[in-house]
Amino acid sequence: MGEGPGYWPAAPDLVVEVMSPSDRLTPVAKKVRDWLEAGTRIVIVVNSRRRNVTVHKPDEEPTIPTEEDTLDGGDVVPGWEMPVKNIFN
């Protein structure tokens, strides 16, 4: 990941990227790839403009849960759950 002062030398287990209205998908996709390649186990991208969430895990296809679904931390953050609809309300 990053280098120099201010950067942690290891990848986090979980990343939540909340896209701002000015964010573009290509740079965000690069960040997701970088985190996964560095060892991050779950990357959740929240796109408020499109009102969707994409969950990325190493060696798996990304999933896009609906607003009726619930996100969970799996074995990365056991017991953590959040209804997707709560993100946008």
Protein backbone atom coordinates (compact mmCIF):
# COMPACT_ATOMS: atom_id res chain seq x y z
CA MET A 1 0.00 0.00 0.00
CA GLY A 2 1.32 3.50 0.72
CA GLU A 3 4.83 4.29 1.84
CA GLY A 4 6.36 6.92 4.07
CA PRO A 5 5.09 8.75 7.13
CA GLY A 6 1.39 8.40 7.81
CA TYR A 7 0.90 5.02 6.15
CA TRP A 8 0.43 1.77 8.00
CA PRO A 9 2.83 -0.87 6.60
CA ALA A 10 0.19 -3.63 6.45
CA ALA A 11 -3.12 -4.09 4.65
CA PRO A 12 -6.32 -3.75 6.70
CA ASP A 13 -8.59 -6.79 6.92
CA LEU A 14 -11.65 -4.71 5.95
CA VAL A 15 -11.90 -1.56 3.84
CA VAL A 16 -15.04 0.51 3.28
CA GLU A 17 -14.66 2.98 0.41
CA VAL A 18 -17.44 5.57 0.28
CA MET A 19 -17.39 7.18 -3.14
CA SER A 20 -17.97 10.91 -3.31
CA PRO A 21 -20.05 12.29 -6.19
CA SER A 22 -16.85 13.34 -7.96
CA ASP A 23 -15.17 9.91 -7.69
CA ARG A 24 -14.80 7.94 -10.91
CA LEU A 25 -15.10 4.16 -11.11
CA THR A 26 -11.71 3.48 -12.72
CA PRO A 27 -9.56 4.97 -9.91
CA VAL A 28 -11.76 3.30 -7.29
CA ALA A 29 -11.41 -0.06 -9.09
CA LYS A 30 -7.62 0.38 -9.00
CA LYS A 31 -7.75 1.05 -5.25
CA VAL A 32 -9.83 -2.10 -4.78
CA ARG A 33 -7.29 -4.17 -6.75
CA ASP A 34 -4.42 -2.66 -4.76
CA TRP A 35 -6.07 -3.47 -1.41
CA LEU A 36 -6.90 -7.04 -2.42
CA GLU A 37 -3.40 -7.63 -3.80
CA ALA A 38 -1.95 -6.28 -0.54
CA GLY A 39 -3.96 -8.80 1.49
CA THR A 40 -7.19 -7.04 2.42
CA ARG A 41 -9.89 -9.68 2.91
CA ILE A 42 -13.05 -7.62 2.25
CA VAL A 43 -13.45 -4.34 0.35
CA ILE A 44 -16.89 -2.74 0.44
CA VAL A 45 -17.49 0.08 -2.04
CA VAL A 46 -20.47 2.32 -1.35
CA ASN A 47 -21.69 4.30 -4.36
CA SER A 48 -24.25 6.77 -3.04
CA ARG A 49 -24.89 8.24 -6.48
CA ARG A 50 -26.01 4.84 -7.81
CA ARG A 51 -27.33 3.76 -4.39
CA ASN A 52 -25.48 0.47 -4.48
CA VAL A 53 -22.83 -1.42 -2.59
CA THR A 54 -20.26 -3.77 -4.11
CA VAL A 55 -18.45 -6.34 -1.98
CA HIS A 56 -15.04 -7.52 -3.16
CA LYS A 57 -13.12 -10.50 -1.78
CA PRO A 58 -9.88 -12.08 -3.02
CA ASP A 59 -10.34 -14.71 -5.72
CA GLU A 60 -14.12 -14.17 -5.90
CA GLU A 61 -16.38 -12.28 -8.25
CA PRO A 62 -17.69 -9.03 -6.72
CA THR A 63 -21.23 -9.17 -5.35
CA ILE A 64 -23.82 -6.39 -5.37
CA PRO A 65 -26.31 -6.92 -2.55
CA THR A 66 -29.75 -5.34 -2.86
CA GLU A 67 -31.16 -2.85 -0.36
CA GLU A 68 -33.10 -5.79 1.13
CA ASP A 69 -29.86 -7.66 1.93
CA THR A 70 -27.62 -7.43 4.98
CA LEU A 71 -23.86 -6.99 4.84
CA ASP A 72 -21.84 -9.06 7.26
CA GLY A 73 -18.23 -9.24 8.32
CA GLY A 74 -17.92 -13.00 7.81
CA ASP A 75 -14.86 -14.36 9.55
CA VAL A 76 -13.10 -10.99 9.17
CA VAL A 77 -15.38 -9.12 11.61
CA PRO A 78 -17.49 -11.86 13.23
CA GLY A 79 -20.92 -10.68 14.35
CA TRP A 80 -20.89 -7.40 12.39
CA GLU A 81 -24.02 -6.92 10.30
CA MET A 82 -25.62 -3.93 8.61
CA PRO A 83 -28.74 -3.83 6.45
CA VAL A 84 -27.80 -2.26 3.11
CA LYS A 85 -30.89 -0.03 3.28
CA ASN A 86 -29.46 1.60 6.44
CA ILE A 87 -26.50 2.88 4.44
CA PHE A 88 -28.71 5.03 2.24
CA ASN A 89 -31.31 6.16 4.81
